[in-house]
Amino acid sequence: MSEYGGTVTGAELALTADGLLLRPWREEDVPALLKAYDDPVMRQWVRLPVDTPEEAARWLELQRAGWASGTRFSFAVTDLSRGGELVGNLALKRPGPDPDRAEVGYWTAAWARGRGVAPRALEALTAWAFAAFAEEGLVRLELLHQVDNVASCKVAEKSGYAFAELLDALPPEFPLDGHLHVREAPSTSYGSGAAQGAPGVSPAGSSDSR
């Protein structure tokens, strides 16, 4: 068990952090998932809408496939103090060829904003990722967002993900420039301190859009 209360039972992984439980998504989460996506603010940042039960089912299948392939570990974030209320999504993404780096992404449901959900959950995921994939060489986590996503920028800075590089826009999918934030594994010195290009990630993407 990690300092954040991580437990593993078969394929079921759970992380706890200061009143939050992070666990794989379940079928019973569909109503809350649809409610979360029915939010104009969140729709500014997400790439794929989830408007119907069928789209929600496909979204859940993508998360399950990510776990199975080891390329995307997506967690439903729930608030234990509110009876397990769904409050967000958090993902560790390893789509690129380099085992030394991965990307994190997240979103917070409208009804849970202002509670510090994202920084608490992100800290738990960060600690777990560096511990779980240390033997594979993971030493660098990257967080990306569009320049106008001020909330994601604040979460990154609060969570120790330092601003590293301004990334060019890639219209039409990413119409604005992006920020790349980086956090390195404890006691790790990666490169010279200047950010390097990140293969396998979308440079101007919002941190909560993928």
N, C-alpha and C. Protein backbone atom coordinates (compact mmCIF):
# COMPACT_ATOMS: atom_id res chain seq x y z
N MET A 1 0.85 -1.20 0.00
CA MET A 1 0.00 0.00 0.00
C MET A 1 0.88 1.24 0.00
N SER A 2 0.59 2.20 -0.85
CA SER A 2 1.37 3.42 -0.92
C SER A 2 0.90 4.39 0.14
N GLU A 3 1.60 5.55 0.26
CA GLU A 3 1.20 6.55 1.23
C GLU A 3 -0.16 7.14 0.89
N TYR A 4 -0.64 6.91 -0.34
CA TYR A 4 -1.96 7.39 -0.74
C TYR A 4 -3.01 6.29 -0.68
N GLY A 5 -2.70 5.19 -0.04
CA GLY A 5 -3.69 4.16 0.17
C GLY A 5 -4.01 3.33 -1.03
N GLY A 6 -3.08 3.14 -1.94
CA GLY A 6 -3.33 2.35 -3.13
C GLY A 6 -3.47 0.88 -2.81
N THR A 7 -4.49 0.23 -3.34
CA THR A 7 -4.67 -1.20 -3.17
C THR A 7 -4.96 -1.82 -4.52
N VAL A 8 -4.54 -3.06 -4.69
CA VAL A 8 -4.79 -3.76 -5.94
C VAL A 8 -5.42 -5.10 -5.63
N THR A 9 -6.56 -5.37 -6.26
CA THR A 9 -7.20 -6.67 -6.15
C THR A 9 -7.51 -7.13 -7.56
N GLY A 10 -6.68 -8.04 -8.09
CA GLY A 10 -6.84 -8.42 -9.48
C GLY A 10 -6.59 -7.22 -10.35
N ALA A 11 -7.55 -6.89 -11.25
CA ALA A 11 -7.40 -5.75 -12.15
C ALA A 11 -7.97 -4.48 -11.53
N GLU A 12 -8.49 -4.59 -10.30
CA GLU A 12 -9.14 -3.44 -9.66
C GLU A 12 -8.12 -2.66 -8.85
N LEU A 13 -7.81 -1.46 -9.27
CA LEU A 13 -6.87 -0.61 -8.58
C LEU A 13 -7.62 0.55 -7.96
N ALA A 14 -7.30 0.87 -6.72
CA ALA A 14 -7.92 2.01 -6.07
C ALA A 14 -6.84 2.84 -5.38
N LEU A 15 -6.96 4.14 -5.48
CA LEU A 15 -6.08 5.07 -4.81
C LEU A 15 -6.92 6.00 -3.95
N THR A 16 -6.45 6.32 -2.77
CA THR A 16 -7.16 7.28 -1.93
C THR A 16 -6.25 8.44 -1.63
N ALA A 17 -6.85 9.63 -1.51
CA ALA A 17 -6.07 10.83 -1.23
C ALA A 17 -6.96 11.88 -0.59
N ASP A 18 -6.79 12.07 0.72
CA ASP A 18 -7.45 13.18 1.41
C ASP A 18 -8.95 13.24 1.12
N GLY A 19 -9.63 12.15 1.38
CA GLY A 19 -11.08 12.11 1.22
C GLY A 19 -11.58 11.72 -0.15
N LEU A 20 -10.68 11.46 -1.08
CA LEU A 20 -11.07 11.05 -2.42
C LEU A 20 -10.71 9.59 -2.66
N LEU A 21 -11.52 8.93 -3.48
CA LEU A 21 -11.23 7.58 -3.95
C LEU A 21 -11.12 7.62 -5.46
N LEU A 22 -10.00 7.11 -5.98
CA LEU A 22 -9.78 6.99 -7.42
C LEU A 22 -9.87 5.52 -7.78
N ARG A 23 -10.75 5.17 -8.70
CA ARG A 23 -10.97 3.77 -9.07
C ARG A 23 -11.33 3.69 -10.55
N PRO A 24 -11.21 2.51 -11.16
CA PRO A 24 -11.63 2.36 -12.56
C PRO A 24 -13.11 2.69 -12.74
N TRP A 25 -13.46 3.16 -13.92
CA TRP A 25 -14.84 3.50 -14.23
C TRP A 25 -15.71 2.25 -14.30
N ARG A 26 -17.01 2.42 -13.95
CA ARG A 26 -17.97 1.31 -13.91
C ARG A 26 -19.22 1.68 -14.70
N GLU A 27 -19.99 0.66 -15.04
CA GLU A 27 -21.24 0.88 -15.79
C GLU A 27 -22.19 1.80 -15.03
N GLU A 28 -22.22 1.68 -13.71
CA GLU A 28 -23.16 2.49 -12.93
C GLU A 28 -22.78 3.97 -12.89
N ASP A 29 -21.63 4.31 -13.45
CA ASP A 29 -21.21 5.71 -13.49
C ASP A 29 -21.81 6.47 -14.67
N VAL A 30 -22.51 5.78 -15.58
CA VAL A 30 -23.00 6.41 -16.80
C VAL A 30 -23.87 7.64 -16.53
N PRO A 31 -24.86 7.60 -15.62
CA PRO A 31 -25.67 8.81 -15.41
C PRO A 31 -24.84 10.02 -14.96
N ALA A 32 -23.90 9.79 -14.05
CA ALA A 32 -23.06 10.90 -13.58
C ALA A 32 -22.11 11.37 -14.69
N LEU A 33 -21.66 10.44 -15.52
CA LEU A 33 -20.78 10.81 -16.64
C LEU A 33 -21.53 11.71 -17.62
N LEU A 34 -22.76 11.35 -17.95
CA LEU A 34 -23.57 12.17 -18.86
C LEU A 34 -23.84 13.54 -18.26
N LYS A 35 -24.10 13.58 -16.95
CA LYS A 35 -24.35 14.85 -16.28
C LYS A 35 -23.10 15.73 -16.32
N ALA A 36 -21.93 15.13 -16.12
CA ALA A 36 -20.68 15.89 -16.13
C ALA A 36 -20.41 16.50 -17.49
N TYR A 37 -20.70 15.75 -18.55
CA TYR A 37 -20.45 16.24 -19.90
C TYR A 37 -21.50 17.26 -20.35
N ASP A 38 -22.61 17.34 -19.64
CA ASP A 38 -23.64 18.33 -19.98
C ASP A 38 -23.32 19.65 -19.29
N ASP A 39 -22.15 20.17 -19.59
CA ASP A 39 -21.64 21.36 -18.93
C ASP A 39 -20.90 22.20 -19.97
N PRO A 40 -21.40 23.42 -20.24
CA PRO A 40 -20.77 24.25 -21.28
C PRO A 40 -19.30 24.54 -21.03
N VAL A 41 -18.92 24.70 -19.78
CA VAL A 41 -17.52 25.00 -19.48
C VAL A 41 -16.63 23.83 -19.86
N MET A 42 -17.04 22.61 -19.47
CA MET A 42 -16.23 21.45 -19.78
C MET A 42 -16.17 21.20 -21.29
N ARG A 43 -17.24 21.52 -21.97
CA ARG A 43 -17.29 21.28 -23.42
C ARG A 43 -16.28 22.15 -24.19
N GLN A 44 -15.77 23.19 -23.54
CA GLN A 44 -14.74 24.00 -24.20
C GLN A 44 -13.45 23.21 -24.37
N TRP A 45 -13.23 22.21 -23.51
CA TRP A 45 -11.93 21.56 -23.46
C TRP A 45 -11.93 20.13 -23.96
N VAL A 46 -13.05 19.44 -23.90
CA VAL A 46 -13.05 18.03 -24.30
C VAL A 46 -13.13 17.91 -25.82
N ARG A 47 -12.47 16.91 -26.35
CA ARG A 47 -12.43 16.72 -27.79
C ARG A 47 -13.64 15.95 -28.30
N LEU A 48 -14.10 14.95 -27.54
CA LEU A 48 -15.20 14.10 -27.97
C LEU A 48 -16.38 14.25 -27.02
N PRO A 49 -17.55 14.64 -27.51
CA PRO A 49 -18.72 14.78 -26.64
C PRO A 49 -19.25 13.43 -26.19
N VAL A 50 -19.90 13.45 -25.05
CA VAL A 50 -20.61 12.26 -24.54
C VAL A 50 -22.02 12.74 -24.21
N ASP A 51 -22.93 12.54 -25.17
CA ASP A 51 -24.27 13.10 -25.05
C ASP A 51 -25.36 12.06 -24.82
N THR A 52 -25.10 10.81 -25.15
CA THR A 52 -26.13 9.77 -25.07
C THR A 52 -25.60 8.57 -24.30
N PRO A 53 -26.49 7.70 -23.82
CA PRO A 53 -26.04 6.48 -23.15
C PRO A 53 -25.14 5.63 -24.04
N GLU A 54 -25.41 5.63 -25.34
CA GLU A 54 -24.57 4.86 -26.27
C GLU A 54 -23.16 5.43 -26.34
N GLU A 55 -23.05 6.76 -26.40
CA GLU A 55 -21.72 7.38 -26.41
C GLU A 55 -21.00 7.16 -25.09
N ALA A 56 -21.76 7.18 -24.00
CA ALA A 56 -21.16 6.91 -22.69
C ALA A 56 -20.62 5.49 -22.62
N ALA A 57 -21.36 4.54 -23.18
CA ALA A 57 -20.92 3.14 -23.19
C ALA A 57 -19.64 2.99 -24.00
N ARG A 58 -19.56 3.69 -25.14
CA ARG A 58 -18.34 3.64 -25.95
C ARG A 58 -17.17 4.27 -25.21
N TRP A 59 -17.44 5.36 -24.49
CA TRP A 59 -16.39 6.02 -23.71
C TRP A 59 -15.84 5.08 -22.64
N LEU A 60 -16.75 4.39 -21.94
CA LEU A 60 -16.32 3.43 -20.92
C LEU A 60 -15.50 2.30 -21.53
N GLU A 61 -15.89 1.86 -22.72
CA GLU A 61 -15.15 0.78 -23.38
C GLU A 61 -13.74 1.24 -23.74
N LEU A 62 -13.59 2.49 -24.14
CA LEU A 62 -12.26 3.03 -24.43
C LEU A 62 -11.38 3.03 -23.18
N GLN A 63 -11.99 3.34 -22.04
CA GLN A 63 -11.22 3.34 -20.79
C GLN A 63 -10.79 1.91 -20.43
N ARG A 64 -11.70 0.95 -20.59
CA ARG A 64 -11.36 -0.45 -20.30
C ARG A 64 -10.27 -0.95 -21.24
N ALA A 65 -10.36 -0.56 -22.51
CA ALA A 65 -9.35 -0.97 -23.48
C ALA A 65 -7.99 -0.38 -23.13
N GLY A 66 -7.99 0.84 -22.62
CA GLY A 66 -6.73 1.46 -22.21
C GLY A 66 -6.06 0.71 -21.08
N TRP A 67 -6.85 0.27 -20.11
CA TRP A 67 -6.30 -0.53 -19.01
C TRP A 67 -5.74 -1.84 -19.55
N ALA A 68 -6.49 -2.47 -20.44
CA ALA A 68 -6.07 -3.78 -20.96
C ALA A 68 -4.78 -3.68 -21.75
N SER A 69 -4.61 -2.59 -22.49
CA SER A 69 -3.42 -2.44 -23.33
C SER A 69 -2.24 -1.82 -22.58
N GLY A 70 -2.53 -1.26 -21.40
CA GLY A 70 -1.47 -0.60 -20.64
C GLY A 70 -1.07 0.74 -21.20
N THR A 71 -1.95 1.37 -21.99
CA THR A 71 -1.63 2.65 -22.60
C THR A 71 -2.39 3.82 -21.97
N ARG A 72 -3.47 3.53 -21.25
CA ARG A 72 -4.27 4.59 -20.64
C ARG A 72 -4.92 4.05 -19.38
N PHE A 73 -4.62 4.67 -18.25
CA PHE A 73 -5.17 4.25 -16.97
C PHE A 73 -6.08 5.36 -16.47
N SER A 74 -7.37 5.18 -16.68
CA SER A 74 -8.36 6.21 -16.40
C SER A 74 -9.10 5.89 -15.10
N PHE A 75 -9.16 6.88 -14.22
CA PHE A 75 -9.78 6.71 -12.91
C PHE A 75 -11.00 7.61 -12.78
N ALA A 76 -12.09 7.05 -12.26
CA ALA A 76 -13.20 7.86 -11.79
C ALA A 76 -12.82 8.39 -10.42
N VAL A 77 -12.94 9.69 -10.22
CA VAL A 77 -12.61 10.30 -8.94
C VAL A 77 -13.90 10.51 -8.17
N THR A 78 -13.98 9.96 -6.97
CA THR A 78 -15.19 10.06 -6.16
C THR A 78 -14.87 10.67 -4.81
N ASP A 79 -15.88 11.32 -4.22
CA ASP A 79 -15.72 12.01 -2.94
C ASP A 79 -16.31 11.14 -1.83
N LEU A 80 -15.44 10.59 -1.00
CA LEU A 80 -15.90 9.69 0.06
C LEU A 80 -16.75 10.41 1.10
N SER A 81 -16.50 11.69 1.30
CA SER A 81 -17.26 12.44 2.30
C SER A 81 -18.68 12.75 1.84
N ARG A 82 -18.95 12.50 0.56
CA ARG A 82 -20.28 12.75 0.01
C ARG A 82 -20.88 11.48 -0.57
N GLY A 83 -20.61 10.38 0.11
CA GLY A 83 -21.22 9.11 -0.27
C GLY A 83 -20.72 8.53 -1.57
N GLY A 84 -19.50 8.85 -1.95
CA GLY A 84 -18.96 8.31 -3.19
C GLY A 84 -19.41 9.06 -4.42
N GLU A 85 -19.79 10.32 -4.27
CA GLU A 85 -20.23 11.13 -5.41
C GLU A 85 -19.11 11.23 -6.44
N LEU A 86 -19.45 11.05 -7.72
CA LEU A 86 -18.48 11.20 -8.79
C LEU A 86 -18.14 12.68 -8.95
N VAL A 87 -16.85 13.01 -8.92
CA VAL A 87 -16.45 14.41 -8.98
C VAL A 87 -15.45 14.71 -10.09
N GLY A 88 -14.94 13.67 -10.78
CA GLY A 88 -13.98 13.96 -11.82
C GLY A 88 -13.42 12.74 -12.50
N ASN A 89 -12.51 12.99 -13.42
CA ASN A 89 -11.81 11.94 -14.16
C ASN A 89 -10.33 12.27 -14.17
N LEU A 90 -9.50 11.25 -14.06
CA LEU A 90 -8.06 11.43 -14.06
C LEU A 90 -7.45 10.28 -14.85
N ALA A 91 -6.47 10.57 -15.70
CA ALA A 91 -5.90 9.53 -16.54
C ALA A 91 -4.39 9.68 -16.65
N LEU A 92 -3.73 8.53 -16.68
CA LEU A 92 -2.32 8.44 -17.01
C LEU A 92 -2.23 7.82 -18.38
N LYS A 93 -1.58 8.52 -19.32
CA LYS A 93 -1.55 8.08 -20.71
C LYS A 93 -0.11 7.79 -21.12
N ARG A 94 0.10 6.59 -21.67
CA ARG A 94 1.44 6.18 -22.11
C ARG A 94 1.38 5.72 -23.57
N PRO A 95 0.97 6.60 -24.48
CA PRO A 95 0.80 6.19 -25.87
C PRO A 95 2.08 6.21 -26.68
N GLY A 96 3.11 6.89 -26.20
CA GLY A 96 4.33 7.06 -26.98
C GLY A 96 5.29 5.90 -26.81
N PRO A 97 6.38 5.90 -27.58
CA PRO A 97 7.34 4.80 -27.56
C PRO A 97 8.34 4.89 -26.41
N ASP A 98 8.37 6.01 -25.69
CA ASP A 98 9.38 6.21 -24.66
C ASP A 98 8.87 5.80 -23.29
N PRO A 99 9.46 4.78 -22.66
CA PRO A 99 8.99 4.35 -21.34
C PRO A 99 9.35 5.33 -20.24
N ASP A 100 10.20 6.32 -20.53
CA ASP A 100 10.64 7.24 -19.48
C ASP A 100 9.66 8.38 -19.24
N ARG A 101 8.61 8.50 -20.08
CA ARG A 101 7.68 9.60 -19.92
C ARG A 101 6.24 9.15 -20.15
N ALA A 102 5.31 9.89 -19.55
CA ALA A 102 3.88 9.65 -19.74
C ALA A 102 3.17 10.98 -19.58
N GLU A 103 1.88 11.00 -19.91
CA GLU A 103 1.09 12.23 -19.83
C GLU A 103 -0.05 12.03 -18.86
N VAL A 104 -0.41 13.08 -18.14
CA VAL A 104 -1.56 13.05 -17.26
C VAL A 104 -2.62 14.00 -17.79
N GLY A 105 -3.89 13.67 -17.55
CA GLY A 105 -5.00 14.52 -17.95
C GLY A 105 -6.13 14.38 -16.96
N TYR A 106 -7.04 15.35 -16.93
CA TYR A 106 -8.10 15.32 -15.92
C TYR A 106 -9.22 16.27 -16.30
N TRP A 107 -10.36 16.04 -15.69
CA TRP A 107 -11.41 17.05 -15.65
C TRP A 107 -12.15 16.92 -14.32
N THR A 108 -12.76 18.03 -13.90
CA THR A 108 -13.54 18.06 -12.66
C THR A 108 -14.98 18.40 -13.01
N ALA A 109 -15.92 17.66 -12.45
CA ALA A 109 -17.33 17.91 -12.71
C ALA A 109 -17.72 19.29 -12.18
N ALA A 110 -18.67 19.93 -12.85
CA ALA A 110 -19.06 21.30 -12.51
C ALA A 110 -19.46 21.44 -11.05
N TRP A 111 -20.19 20.43 -10.53
CA TRP A 111 -20.70 20.53 -9.16
C TRP A 111 -19.61 20.36 -8.09
N ALA A 112 -18.42 19.97 -8.50
CA ALA A 112 -17.34 19.73 -7.54
C ALA A 112 -16.22 20.76 -7.63
N ARG A 113 -16.33 21.72 -8.52
CA ARG A 113 -15.26 22.71 -8.66
C ARG A 113 -15.18 23.59 -7.42
N GLY A 114 -13.97 23.98 -7.10
CA GLY A 114 -13.76 24.80 -5.92
C GLY A 114 -13.44 24.01 -4.67
N ARG A 115 -13.42 22.69 -4.75
CA ARG A 115 -13.13 21.83 -3.59
C ARG A 115 -11.69 21.33 -3.58
N GLY A 116 -10.90 21.72 -4.55
CA GLY A 116 -9.53 21.23 -4.62
C GLY A 116 -9.43 19.79 -5.05
N VAL A 117 -10.40 19.33 -5.83
CA VAL A 117 -10.43 17.93 -6.25
C VAL A 117 -9.24 17.59 -7.14
N ALA A 118 -9.01 18.38 -8.18
CA ALA A 118 -7.97 18.04 -9.15
C ALA A 118 -6.57 17.98 -8.54
N PRO A 119 -6.13 18.95 -7.74
CA PRO A 119 -4.79 18.85 -7.15
C PRO A 119 -4.62 17.64 -6.24
N ARG A 120 -5.64 17.33 -5.44
CA ARG A 120 -5.54 16.17 -4.54
C ARG A 120 -5.45 14.87 -5.33
N ALA A 121 -6.31 14.74 -6.32
CA ALA A 121 -6.32 13.51 -7.13
C ALA A 121 -5.04 13.39 -7.95
N LEU A 122 -4.58 14.51 -8.51
CA LEU A 122 -3.38 14.47 -9.34
C LEU A 122 -2.16 14.10 -8.51
N GLU A 123 -2.08 14.56 -7.28
CA GLU A 123 -0.94 14.20 -6.44
C GLU A 123 -0.92 12.69 -6.18
N ALA A 124 -2.09 12.10 -5.95
CA ALA A 124 -2.16 10.65 -5.72
C ALA A 124 -1.75 9.89 -6.97
N LEU A 125 -2.26 10.31 -8.12
CA LEU A 125 -1.91 9.64 -9.38
C LEU A 125 -0.42 9.76 -9.66
N THR A 126 0.14 10.93 -9.41
CA THR A 126 1.56 11.16 -9.67
C THR A 126 2.43 10.23 -8.84
N ALA A 127 2.13 10.14 -7.54
CA ALA A 127 2.91 9.26 -6.66
C ALA A 127 2.79 7.81 -7.10
N TRP A 128 1.56 7.40 -7.45
CA TRP A 128 1.35 6.01 -7.89
C TRP A 128 2.10 5.73 -9.18
N ALA A 129 2.02 6.64 -10.14
CA ALA A 129 2.65 6.41 -11.44
C ALA A 129 4.15 6.24 -11.31
N PHE A 130 4.81 7.12 -10.56
CA PHE A 130 6.26 7.02 -10.42
C PHE A 130 6.67 5.73 -9.70
N ALA A 131 5.83 5.28 -8.75
CA ALA A 131 6.14 4.04 -8.04
C ALA A 131 5.84 2.81 -8.90
N ALA A 132 4.68 2.83 -9.57
CA ALA A 132 4.24 1.65 -10.32
C ALA A 132 5.10 1.38 -11.55
N PHE A 133 5.62 2.44 -12.17
CA PHE A 133 6.36 2.27 -13.42
C PHE A 133 7.84 2.61 -13.29
N ALA A 134 8.33 2.63 -12.07
CA ALA A 134 9.74 2.95 -11.85
C ALA A 134 10.65 1.94 -12.54
N GLU A 135 10.31 0.66 -12.42
CA GLU A 135 11.17 -0.37 -13.02
C GLU A 135 11.17 -0.31 -14.54
N GLU A 136 10.14 0.29 -15.12
CA GLU A 136 10.09 0.46 -16.57
C GLU A 136 10.81 1.74 -17.02
N GLY A 137 11.28 2.51 -16.06
CA GLY A 137 12.07 3.69 -16.39
C GLY A 137 11.32 5.01 -16.42
N LEU A 138 10.08 5.05 -15.90
CA LEU A 138 9.33 6.30 -15.92
C LEU A 138 9.97 7.32 -14.98
N VAL A 139 10.36 8.45 -15.51
CA VAL A 139 10.97 9.51 -14.71
C VAL A 139 10.36 10.88 -14.98
N ARG A 140 9.41 10.97 -15.92
CA ARG A 140 8.89 12.28 -16.32
C ARG A 140 7.40 12.18 -16.64
N LEU A 141 6.61 13.06 -16.02
CA LEU A 141 5.19 13.16 -16.32
C LEU A 141 4.93 14.54 -16.92
N GLU A 142 4.09 14.56 -17.97
CA GLU A 142 3.81 15.79 -18.69
C GLU A 142 2.33 16.11 -18.63
N LEU A 143 2.02 17.39 -18.53
CA LEU A 143 0.65 17.87 -18.46
C LEU A 143 0.51 18.97 -19.49
N LEU A 144 -0.49 18.86 -20.37
CA LEU A 144 -0.67 19.81 -21.46
C LEU A 144 -2.04 20.47 -21.38
N HIS A 145 -2.07 21.75 -21.73
CA HIS A 145 -3.36 22.44 -21.80
C HIS A 145 -3.24 23.62 -22.75
N GLN A 146 -4.37 24.05 -23.29
CA GLN A 146 -4.38 25.25 -24.13
C GLN A 146 -4.13 26.48 -23.26
N VAL A 147 -3.59 27.54 -23.88
CA VAL A 147 -3.20 28.71 -23.11
C VAL A 147 -4.38 29.38 -22.41
N ASP A 148 -5.59 29.22 -22.95
CA ASP A 148 -6.74 29.87 -22.34
C ASP A 148 -7.39 29.03 -21.25
N ASN A 149 -6.83 27.85 -20.97
CA ASN A 149 -7.37 27.00 -19.90
C ASN A 149 -6.65 27.37 -18.60
N VAL A 150 -7.05 28.47 -18.03
CA VAL A 150 -6.38 29.02 -16.85
C VAL A 150 -6.51 28.09 -15.65
N ALA A 151 -7.65 27.43 -15.51
CA ALA A 151 -7.86 26.55 -14.37
C ALA A 151 -6.87 25.39 -14.38
N SER A 152 -6.64 24.80 -15.56
CA SER A 152 -5.69 23.70 -15.66
C SER A 152 -4.27 24.16 -15.36
N CYS A 153 -3.95 25.38 -15.76
CA CYS A 153 -2.63 25.92 -15.49
C CYS A 153 -2.42 26.06 -13.98
N LYS A 154 -3.43 26.52 -13.26
CA LYS A 154 -3.32 26.67 -11.81
C LYS A 154 -3.17 25.32 -11.13
N VAL A 155 -3.92 24.32 -11.61
CA VAL A 155 -3.80 22.97 -11.04
C VAL A 155 -2.39 22.44 -11.24
N ALA A 156 -1.85 22.62 -12.45
CA ALA A 156 -0.50 22.14 -12.74
C ALA A 156 0.52 22.75 -11.80
N GLU A 157 0.46 24.07 -11.64
CA GLU A 157 1.42 24.75 -10.79
C GLU A 157 1.27 24.33 -9.34
N LYS A 158 0.03 24.21 -8.88
CA LYS A 158 -0.22 23.81 -7.49
C LYS A 158 0.26 22.40 -7.22
N SER A 159 0.28 21.56 -8.26
CA SER A 159 0.64 20.15 -8.12
C SER A 159 2.12 19.89 -8.42
N GLY A 160 2.90 20.93 -8.57
CA GLY A 160 4.33 20.76 -8.78
C GLY A 160 4.73 20.44 -10.21
N TYR A 161 3.83 20.67 -11.16
CA TYR A 161 4.14 20.49 -12.58
C TYR A 161 4.60 21.85 -13.12
N ALA A 162 5.89 22.02 -13.24
CA ALA A 162 6.46 23.30 -13.62
C ALA A 162 6.24 23.59 -15.11
N PHE A 163 5.98 24.85 -15.43
CA PHE A 163 5.87 25.24 -16.83
C PHE A 163 7.21 24.99 -17.51
N ALA A 164 7.16 24.34 -18.68
CA ALA A 164 8.40 23.97 -19.37
C ALA A 164 8.52 24.57 -20.76
N GLU A 165 7.39 24.72 -21.46
CA GLU A 165 7.51 25.13 -22.86
C GLU A 165 6.18 25.61 -23.40
N LEU A 166 6.22 26.61 -24.27
CA LEU A 166 5.06 27.06 -25.03
C LEU A 166 5.03 26.29 -26.33
N LEU A 167 3.91 25.62 -26.60
CA LEU A 167 3.80 24.76 -27.76
C LEU A 167 2.90 25.40 -28.82
N ASP A 168 3.25 25.23 -30.06
CA ASP A 168 2.50 25.82 -31.16
C ASP A 168 1.13 25.17 -31.31
N ALA A 169 0.18 25.96 -31.74
CA ALA A 169 -1.16 25.45 -32.03
C ALA A 169 -1.11 24.46 -33.18
N LEU A 170 -2.11 23.55 -33.18
CA LEU A 170 -2.26 22.59 -34.27
C LEU A 170 -3.71 22.62 -34.75
N PRO A 171 -4.11 23.70 -35.44
CA PRO A 171 -5.50 23.77 -35.91
C PRO A 171 -5.76 22.73 -36.98
N PRO A 172 -7.02 22.29 -37.12
CA PRO A 172 -8.19 22.84 -36.41
C PRO A 172 -8.45 22.20 -35.05
N GLU A 173 -7.80 21.04 -34.76
CA GLU A 173 -8.12 20.34 -33.52
C GLU A 173 -7.69 21.14 -32.29
N PHE A 174 -6.51 21.75 -32.35
CA PHE A 174 -6.02 22.56 -31.24
C PHE A 174 -5.72 23.96 -31.78
N PRO A 175 -6.72 24.85 -31.77
CA PRO A 175 -6.59 26.14 -32.46
C PRO A 175 -5.66 27.13 -31.77
N LEU A 176 -5.36 26.92 -30.49
CA LEU A 176 -4.51 27.86 -29.76
C LEU A 176 -3.21 27.20 -29.33
N ASP A 177 -2.24 28.03 -28.99
CA ASP A 177 -0.99 27.50 -28.44
C ASP A 177 -1.28 26.77 -27.13
N GLY A 178 -0.31 25.99 -26.70
CA GLY A 178 -0.49 25.21 -25.48
C GLY A 178 0.68 25.38 -24.52
N HIS A 179 0.43 25.02 -23.27
CA HIS A 179 1.48 24.97 -22.26
C HIS A 179 1.86 23.51 -22.02
N LEU A 180 3.16 23.26 -21.90
CA LEU A 180 3.65 21.98 -21.45
C LEU A 180 4.21 22.16 -20.05
N HIS A 181 3.65 21.41 -19.09
CA HIS A 181 4.15 21.38 -17.72
C HIS A 181 4.79 20.03 -17.47
N VAL A 182 5.80 19.99 -16.63
CA VAL A 182 6.56 18.76 -16.39
C VAL A 182 6.79 18.55 -14.89
N ARG A 183 6.66 17.31 -14.47
CA ARG A 183 7.09 16.92 -13.12
C ARG A 183 7.97 15.69 -13.25
N GLU A 184 9.12 15.73 -12.60
CA GLU A 184 10.07 14.63 -12.69
C GLU A 184 9.99 13.76 -11.44
N ALA A 185 10.39 12.51 -11.59
CA ALA A 185 10.41 11.58 -10.46
C ALA A 185 11.36 12.09 -9.38
N PRO A 186 11.10 11.78 -8.12
CA PRO A 186 12.00 12.21 -7.05
C PRO A 186 13.43 11.76 -7.31
N SER A 187 14.37 12.64 -7.03
CA SER A 187 15.79 12.36 -7.17
C SER A 187 16.18 12.07 -8.62
N THR A 188 15.41 12.62 -9.56
CA THR A 188 15.70 12.40 -10.98
C THR A 188 16.05 13.73 -11.64
N SER A 189 17.10 13.74 -12.39
CA SER A 189 17.48 14.90 -13.20
C SER A 189 17.32 14.51 -14.65
N TYR A 190 16.32 15.06 -15.33
CA TYR A 190 16.00 14.65 -16.70
C TYR A 190 16.49 15.72 -17.65
N GLY A 191 17.48 15.38 -18.45
CA GLY A 191 17.98 16.33 -19.45
C GLY A 191 18.65 17.51 -18.79
N SER A 192 18.59 18.65 -19.42
CA SER A 192 19.28 19.84 -18.95
C SER A 192 18.36 20.81 -18.25
N GLY A 193 17.08 20.45 -18.10
CA GLY A 193 16.12 21.34 -17.49
C GLY A 193 15.21 21.99 -18.51
N ALA A 194 15.64 22.12 -19.73
CA ALA A 194 14.78 22.63 -20.79
C ALA A 194 13.90 21.52 -21.29
N ALA A 195 12.64 21.83 -21.59
CA ALA A 195 11.71 20.79 -22.03
C ALA A 195 12.13 20.26 -23.39
N GLN A 196 11.96 18.97 -23.56
CA GLN A 196 12.22 18.34 -24.83
C GLN A 196 10.89 17.99 -25.48
N GLY A 197 10.89 17.74 -26.78
CA GLY A 197 9.66 17.38 -27.49
C GLY A 197 9.09 16.11 -26.93
N ALA A 198 7.79 15.97 -26.97
CA ALA A 198 7.12 14.83 -26.35
C ALA A 198 6.46 13.99 -27.41
N PRO A 199 7.09 12.93 -27.90
CA PRO A 199 6.48 12.10 -28.93
C PRO A 199 5.23 11.41 -28.40
N GLY A 200 4.23 11.32 -29.25
CA GLY A 200 3.03 10.58 -28.88
C GLY A 200 1.99 11.38 -28.15
N VAL A 201 2.19 12.71 -27.96
CA VAL A 201 1.18 13.52 -27.31
C VAL A 201 0.81 14.67 -28.22
N SER A 202 -0.34 15.30 -27.96
CA SER A 202 -0.82 16.38 -28.80
C SER A 202 -0.38 17.70 -28.20
N PRO A 203 0.50 18.46 -28.84
CA PRO A 203 1.15 19.60 -28.21
C PRO A 203 0.24 20.68 -27.64
N ALA A 204 -0.88 20.97 -28.26
CA ALA A 204 -1.68 22.08 -27.77
C ALA A 204 -2.96 21.61 -27.09
N GLY A 205 -3.00 20.37 -26.69
CA GLY A 205 -4.23 19.84 -26.11
C GLY A 205 -4.46 20.31 -24.71
N SER A 206 -5.72 20.42 -24.31
CA SER A 206 -6.06 20.70 -22.93
C SER A 206 -5.78 19.49 -22.09
N SER A 207 -5.37 19.72 -20.85
CA SER A 207 -5.06 18.59 -19.98
C SER A 207 -6.27 17.72 -19.69
N ASP A 208 -7.46 18.28 -19.81
CA ASP A 208 -8.64 17.49 -19.50
C ASP A 208 -9.40 17.08 -20.74
N SER A 209 -8.76 17.13 -21.91
CA SER A 209 -9.50 16.88 -23.15
C SER A 209 -9.28 15.51 -23.74
N ARG A 210 -8.35 14.74 -23.20
CA ARG A 210 -8.04 13.48 -23.85
C ARG A 210 -8.16 12.32 -22.88
